[in-house]
Protein backbone atom coordinates (compact mmCIF):
# COMPACT_ATOMS: atom_id res chain seq x y z
CA MET A 1 -46.43 -205.48 -149.07
CA THR A 2 -45.14 -205.37 -145.58
CA PRO A 3 -48.55 -205.05 -142.61
CA GLU A 4 -49.30 -201.85 -141.18
CA ARG A 5 -47.85 -201.68 -137.75
CA ILE A 6 -49.97 -200.14 -134.75
CA THR A 7 -48.71 -199.44 -131.87
CA PHE A 8 -51.39 -198.42 -128.80
CA ILE A 9 -50.31 -196.09 -126.28
CA GLY A 10 -52.30 -197.33 -122.76
CA GLY A 11 -54.36 -200.63 -122.60
CA GLY A 12 -57.57 -199.97 -121.50
CA ASN A 13 -61.11 -200.34 -122.09
CA MET A 14 -60.81 -198.13 -125.45
CA ALA A 15 -57.86 -199.76 -126.65
CA SER A 16 -59.44 -203.02 -126.46
CA SER A 17 -62.36 -202.20 -127.67
CA LEU A 18 -60.65 -200.67 -130.58
CA ILE A 19 -58.08 -204.17 -131.07
CA GLY A 20 -61.03 -206.38 -130.63
CA GLY A 21 -62.90 -204.56 -133.60
CA LEU A 22 -59.23 -204.27 -136.06
CA ILE A 23 -58.91 -208.10 -135.05
CA ALA A 24 -63.02 -208.97 -136.29
CA ASP A 25 -62.13 -206.93 -139.00
CA GLY A 26 -59.28 -208.97 -140.45
CA TYR A 27 -55.87 -207.20 -138.95
CA ASP A 28 -53.31 -209.95 -138.02
CA PRO A 29 -52.70 -209.35 -134.13
CA LYS A 30 -49.41 -209.82 -134.41
CA THR A 31 -48.98 -206.16 -136.24
CA LEU A 32 -50.32 -204.64 -132.99
CA THR A 33 -48.55 -203.65 -130.24
CA VAL A 34 -50.32 -202.24 -127.32
CA SER A 35 -47.41 -200.19 -124.46
CA GLU A 36 -49.01 -200.25 -121.15
CA PRO A 37 -47.11 -200.07 -117.60
CA ASP A 38 -49.45 -202.18 -115.83
CA GLN A 39 -48.30 -206.04 -115.78
CA ASN A 40 -51.66 -207.56 -115.40
CA LYS A 41 -53.29 -205.40 -118.31
CA ARG A 42 -50.31 -206.69 -120.70
CA ARG A 43 -50.90 -209.79 -119.44
CA ALA A 44 -54.50 -210.04 -120.06
CA LEU A 45 -54.11 -208.40 -123.53
CA ALA A 46 -51.95 -210.42 -124.81
CA GLU A 47 -53.87 -213.67 -123.46
CA ARG A 48 -56.97 -212.14 -125.19
CA PHE A 49 -55.91 -210.75 -128.38
CA GLY A 50 -52.72 -212.19 -129.18
CA VAL A 51 -50.91 -208.69 -129.72
CA HIS A 52 -47.82 -208.06 -128.31
CA THR A 53 -47.29 -206.32 -125.42
CA CYS A 54 -44.48 -203.97 -123.83
CA ALA A 55 -43.80 -201.71 -120.94
CA ASP A 56 -41.66 -199.14 -122.84
CA THR A 57 -43.20 -197.13 -124.85
CA ILE A 58 -40.36 -196.07 -127.38
CA GLU A 59 -39.89 -199.87 -127.88
CA ALA A 60 -43.40 -200.24 -128.67
CA LEU A 61 -43.19 -197.74 -131.51
CA VAL A 62 -40.50 -198.73 -133.73
CA GLY A 63 -41.79 -199.63 -136.85
CA ALA A 64 -45.14 -198.40 -136.19
CA GLN A 65 -46.52 -196.43 -139.22
CA THR A 66 -49.33 -195.55 -136.59
CA ALA A 67 -50.17 -194.76 -132.90
CA VAL A 68 -53.14 -194.44 -131.11
CA LEU A 69 -52.77 -192.76 -128.07
CA CYS A 70 -55.29 -194.14 -125.40
CA VAL A 71 -53.71 -192.52 -122.01
CA LYS A 72 -55.91 -190.35 -119.61
CA PRO A 73 -55.64 -186.20 -120.74
CA GLN A 74 -53.73 -185.56 -117.31
CA VAL A 75 -50.64 -187.34 -118.55
CA ALA A 76 -50.88 -186.72 -122.04
CA ARG A 77 -48.16 -183.86 -121.52
CA GLN A 78 -45.49 -186.25 -120.10
CA VAL A 79 -46.43 -188.81 -122.60
CA CYS A 80 -45.89 -186.66 -126.01
CA GLY A 81 -42.83 -185.89 -124.39
CA GLU A 82 -41.66 -189.09 -124.18
CA ILE A 83 -42.36 -190.05 -127.18
CA GLY A 84 -42.11 -186.92 -129.45
CA SER A 85 -38.57 -187.70 -131.13
CA ALA A 86 -40.00 -191.27 -131.92
CA ILE A 87 -43.22 -190.04 -133.52
CA ALA A 88 -41.53 -187.48 -135.78
CA GLY A 89 -38.23 -189.02 -136.74
CA GLN A 90 -40.47 -192.02 -138.31
CA GLY A 91 -43.17 -189.81 -139.80
CA THR A 92 -45.71 -192.02 -137.45
CA LEU A 93 -49.44 -190.93 -137.78
CA LEU A 94 -50.77 -189.72 -134.18
CA ILE A 95 -53.99 -190.56 -133.47
CA SER A 96 -55.85 -189.15 -130.19
CA ILE A 97 -58.55 -190.08 -128.39
CA MET A 98 -58.62 -188.21 -125.43
CA ALA A 99 -61.20 -185.54 -124.64
CA GLY A 100 -60.30 -181.93 -124.28
CA VAL A 101 -56.90 -182.32 -126.01
CA THR A 102 -56.24 -179.98 -128.60
CA GLU A 103 -54.42 -180.58 -131.87
CA ALA A 104 -51.78 -177.71 -130.93
CA SER A 105 -51.61 -179.18 -127.63
CA LEU A 106 -50.25 -182.45 -128.99
CA GLN A 107 -48.18 -180.74 -131.51
CA ALA A 108 -46.43 -178.48 -128.67
CA TRP A 109 -45.90 -181.02 -126.34
CA ILE A 110 -44.46 -183.39 -128.94
CA GLY A 111 -42.24 -180.03 -129.89
CA GLN A 112 -42.92 -179.71 -133.62
CA PRO A 113 -45.57 -180.34 -136.33
CA VAL A 114 -46.88 -183.83 -136.84
CA ALA A 115 -49.96 -185.59 -138.44
CA VAL A 116 -52.47 -185.80 -135.64
CA VAL A 117 -55.95 -187.12 -135.92
CA ARG A 118 -57.96 -185.95 -132.90
CA THR A 119 -60.87 -188.34 -132.44
CA MET A 120 -63.56 -188.24 -129.91
CA PRO A 121 -65.47 -191.57 -129.53
CA ASN A 122 -68.16 -192.64 -127.08
CA THR A 123 -68.70 -195.40 -124.46
CA PRO A 124 -70.57 -197.43 -127.14
CA ALA A 125 -67.66 -197.66 -128.82
CA MET A 126 -66.76 -200.51 -126.16
CA ILE A 127 -69.16 -202.93 -128.05
CA GLN A 128 -68.43 -201.80 -131.42
CA SER A 129 -71.56 -199.57 -131.33
CA GLY A 130 -69.76 -196.00 -131.14
CA ALA A 131 -70.22 -192.64 -132.28
CA ILE A 132 -66.99 -191.34 -133.43
CA ALA A 133 -66.13 -187.62 -134.51
CA MET A 134 -62.54 -186.96 -136.58
CA HIS A 135 -60.75 -184.27 -137.47
CA ALA A 136 -57.56 -184.46 -139.34
CA SER A 137 -54.68 -181.62 -138.41
CA PRO A 138 -53.19 -180.28 -142.26
CA GLU A 139 -50.35 -182.64 -141.85
CA VAL A 140 -52.21 -185.33 -142.12
CA ASP A 141 -51.98 -186.86 -146.25
CA GLY A 142 -54.92 -188.96 -147.85
CA ASP A 143 -53.61 -192.40 -147.00
CA GLN A 144 -53.25 -191.62 -143.17
CA ARG A 145 -56.55 -189.88 -143.35
CA ASN A 146 -57.89 -193.56 -144.63
CA ARG A 147 -55.63 -195.40 -142.06
CA ALA A 148 -57.04 -193.28 -139.39
CA GLU A 149 -60.92 -193.85 -140.69
CA THR A 150 -60.57 -197.83 -140.67
CA ILE A 151 -59.07 -197.94 -137.56
CA MET A 152 -61.59 -195.50 -135.81
CA ARG A 153 -64.64 -197.52 -137.75
CA ALA A 154 -63.62 -200.48 -136.16
CA CYS A 155 -65.55 -199.40 -133.01
CA GLY A 156 -68.82 -197.88 -134.69
CA LEU A 157 -69.70 -195.02 -137.09
CA ALA A 158 -66.66 -192.42 -137.89
CA ARG A 159 -67.74 -188.95 -139.38
CA TRP A 160 -64.83 -186.35 -140.42
CA VAL A 161 -65.79 -182.43 -139.10
CA ALA A 162 -64.30 -179.95 -140.91
CA ASP A 163 -63.56 -177.60 -138.23
CA GLU A 164 -61.45 -178.89 -134.93
CA ALA A 165 -63.62 -176.49 -132.97
CA LEU A 166 -66.71 -178.99 -133.83
CA ILE A 167 -65.16 -181.60 -131.82
CA ASP A 168 -66.67 -180.01 -129.07
CA VAL A 169 -69.53 -179.96 -130.33
CA ALA A 170 -69.78 -183.75 -131.05
CA THR A 171 -68.45 -184.17 -127.69
CA ALA A 172 -71.53 -182.52 -126.07
CA VAL A 173 -73.86 -184.28 -128.76
CA SER A 174 -72.02 -188.19 -128.64
CA GLY A 175 -69.28 -188.10 -126.14
CA SER A 176 -71.61 -187.18 -123.28
CA GLY A 177 -75.10 -188.28 -125.26
CA PRO A 178 -75.08 -192.05 -123.82
CA ALA A 179 -75.70 -190.61 -120.75
CA TYR A 180 -78.74 -188.17 -121.80
CA PHE A 181 -80.50 -191.36 -123.05
CA PHE A 182 -79.68 -193.27 -120.21
CA ARG A 183 -81.13 -190.74 -117.77
CA LEU A 184 -84.63 -190.64 -120.11
CA MET A 185 -84.61 -194.19 -119.92
CA GLU A 186 -83.93 -194.41 -115.79
CA ALA A 187 -86.90 -191.78 -115.68
CA MET A 188 -89.31 -193.95 -117.62
CA GLU A 189 -87.95 -197.30 -115.88
CA GLN A 190 -88.94 -195.11 -112.64
CA ALA A 191 -92.52 -193.76 -114.17
CA GLY A 192 -93.39 -197.38 -115.04
CA ILE A 193 -92.53 -199.06 -111.38
CA ASP A 194 -94.34 -195.63 -109.79
CA LEU A 195 -97.63 -196.42 -112.15
CA GLY A 196 -97.48 -200.09 -110.78
CA LEU A 197 -95.21 -202.19 -113.08
CA ASP A 198 -92.98 -204.77 -111.98
CA PRO A 199 -89.44 -203.33 -112.05
CA GLU A 200 -87.84 -205.85 -113.87
CA ASP A 201 -90.60 -205.41 -115.99
CA ALA A 202 -90.53 -201.76 -116.22
CA ARG A 203 -86.78 -201.79 -116.52
CA LEU A 204 -86.69 -204.37 -119.70
CA LEU A 205 -89.65 -202.61 -121.30
CA THR A 206 -87.65 -199.37 -121.47
CA ILE A 207 -84.62 -201.34 -122.95
CA GLN A 208 -86.23 -202.84 -125.71
CA THR A 209 -88.04 -199.43 -126.23
CA ALA A 210 -84.89 -197.40 -126.87
CA LEU A 211 -83.71 -200.34 -128.66
CA GLY A 212 -86.09 -200.72 -131.23
CA ALA A 213 -86.52 -196.82 -131.61
CA ALA A 214 -82.66 -196.43 -132.41
CA ARG A 215 -82.83 -199.53 -134.74
CA MET A 216 -86.18 -197.61 -136.46
CA ALA A 217 -84.30 -194.14 -136.52
CA ILE A 218 -81.36 -196.23 -137.92
CA GLU A 219 -82.78 -198.48 -140.99
CA SER A 220 -85.16 -195.70 -142.24
CA ASP A 221 -84.47 -192.67 -144.39
CA ASP A 222 -86.99 -190.66 -142.74
CA PRO A 223 -85.47 -188.16 -139.80
CA PRO A 224 -86.57 -188.43 -136.12
CA GLU A 225 -89.59 -186.06 -136.31
CA ARG A 226 -91.24 -187.92 -139.44
CA LEU A 227 -90.65 -191.00 -137.26
CA ARG A 228 -92.34 -189.40 -133.84
CA GLU A 229 -95.37 -187.93 -136.21
CA ARG A 230 -95.91 -191.54 -137.29
CA VAL A 231 -96.55 -192.98 -134.13
CA THR A 232 -98.11 -189.74 -132.45
CA SER A 233 -101.88 -190.35 -133.24
CA PRO A 234 -104.26 -187.56 -132.68
CA GLY A 235 -105.59 -187.65 -129.49
CA GLY A 236 -103.69 -190.35 -128.34
CA THR A 237 -101.78 -191.27 -125.36
CA THR A 238 -98.47 -190.41 -127.12
CA GLU A 239 -99.82 -187.23 -128.35
CA ARG A 240 -100.83 -186.36 -124.75
CA ALA A 241 -97.55 -187.40 -123.64
CA LEU A 242 -95.41 -185.27 -125.99
CA THR A 243 -97.72 -182.48 -125.13
CA VAL A 244 -96.84 -182.64 -121.57
CA LEU A 245 -92.70 -183.22 -122.82
CA ALA A 246 -93.38 -179.57 -124.94
CA GLU A 247 -95.04 -177.76 -122.02
CA GLY A 248 -92.30 -178.54 -120.08
CA GLY A 249 -89.88 -176.90 -122.67
CA PHE A 250 -87.89 -180.32 -123.31
CA GLY A 251 -86.51 -179.53 -126.37
CA PRO A 252 -85.19 -176.28 -125.33
CA LEU A 253 -84.38 -177.67 -122.59
CA VAL A 254 -82.34 -180.05 -124.59
CA GLU A 255 -80.53 -177.25 -126.55
CA GLN A 256 -78.91 -175.84 -123.28
CA ALA A 257 -78.04 -179.25 -121.86
CA ILE A 258 -75.72 -179.74 -124.95
CA ALA A 259 -74.75 -176.31 -125.39
CA ALA A 260 -73.58 -176.24 -121.60
CA ALA A 261 -71.65 -179.46 -122.53
CA ARG A 262 -69.91 -177.88 -125.34
CA THR A 263 -68.83 -174.92 -123.18
CA ARG A 264 -67.49 -177.44 -120.70
CA ALA A 265 -65.54 -179.19 -123.27
CA THR A 266 -63.54 -176.00 -124.55
CA GLU A 267 -63.26 -175.03 -121.14
CA LEU A 268 -61.60 -178.40 -120.35
CA SER A 269 -58.94 -178.06 -123.77
CA ARG A 270 -58.21 -174.30 -122.79
CA MET A 271 -57.31 -175.65 -118.96
CA LEU A 272 -55.11 -178.68 -119.91
CA ALA A 273 -53.64 -176.62 -122.57
CA GLU A 274 -52.52 -174.02 -120.09
CA LYS A 275 -51.96 -176.48 -117.74
CA PRO A 276 -47.73 -176.61 -117.06
């Protein structure tokens, strides 16, 4: 059986993360190709992973069953125009990791309907701990769907959504989500310092607490609500702190923030589609 060939268009951080994850999962580096205009990046990728690299995207796509589009959204229209005939001509599955670029836009720029899987990774994908939402266009068959999921799972958790519009919701929840947790950690650390903790102690205690809470949530069958209740003793310190958060409108504020991020994701998709 001929090994599946995967081409990465763009050799940035997310491409590197996916390549590293795939190799760790047993993929042969010789079946992976990266198209990257920057010579230094090409050299670094070849030395680090043993993958084939080249500057010419069309050359990189020859024989590829899957192409992973890892370029900036601002250049997506140009890149799709360049690779359209190659993608369509050999029935290549196109996986996009670009924020704000719809399946319809990708197909319009390519010039015809092709199999597209749109994904929304987040930054922890760079350490194989990502949360990745996925949606398949109608042209994607079962084998291609499985192939796309296997590739994205190399960077963490991958979940399919039923409607492409839900990618914008996932962008707001998990795509932007790490920043929400970092902001909470930032505030907790500063509060500890203001109340007398050594800065290094405040930082490490906050980070380890976040890690421990996340691990408990992952390893438990109980929802976060139940886990919260378990550590909230009546009349205790946790209850007092949570009361302050509730009185400050913490829950509704988070909902408003995520809704605002979803709205902005939708706006950006529209702007990219309309931009000539």
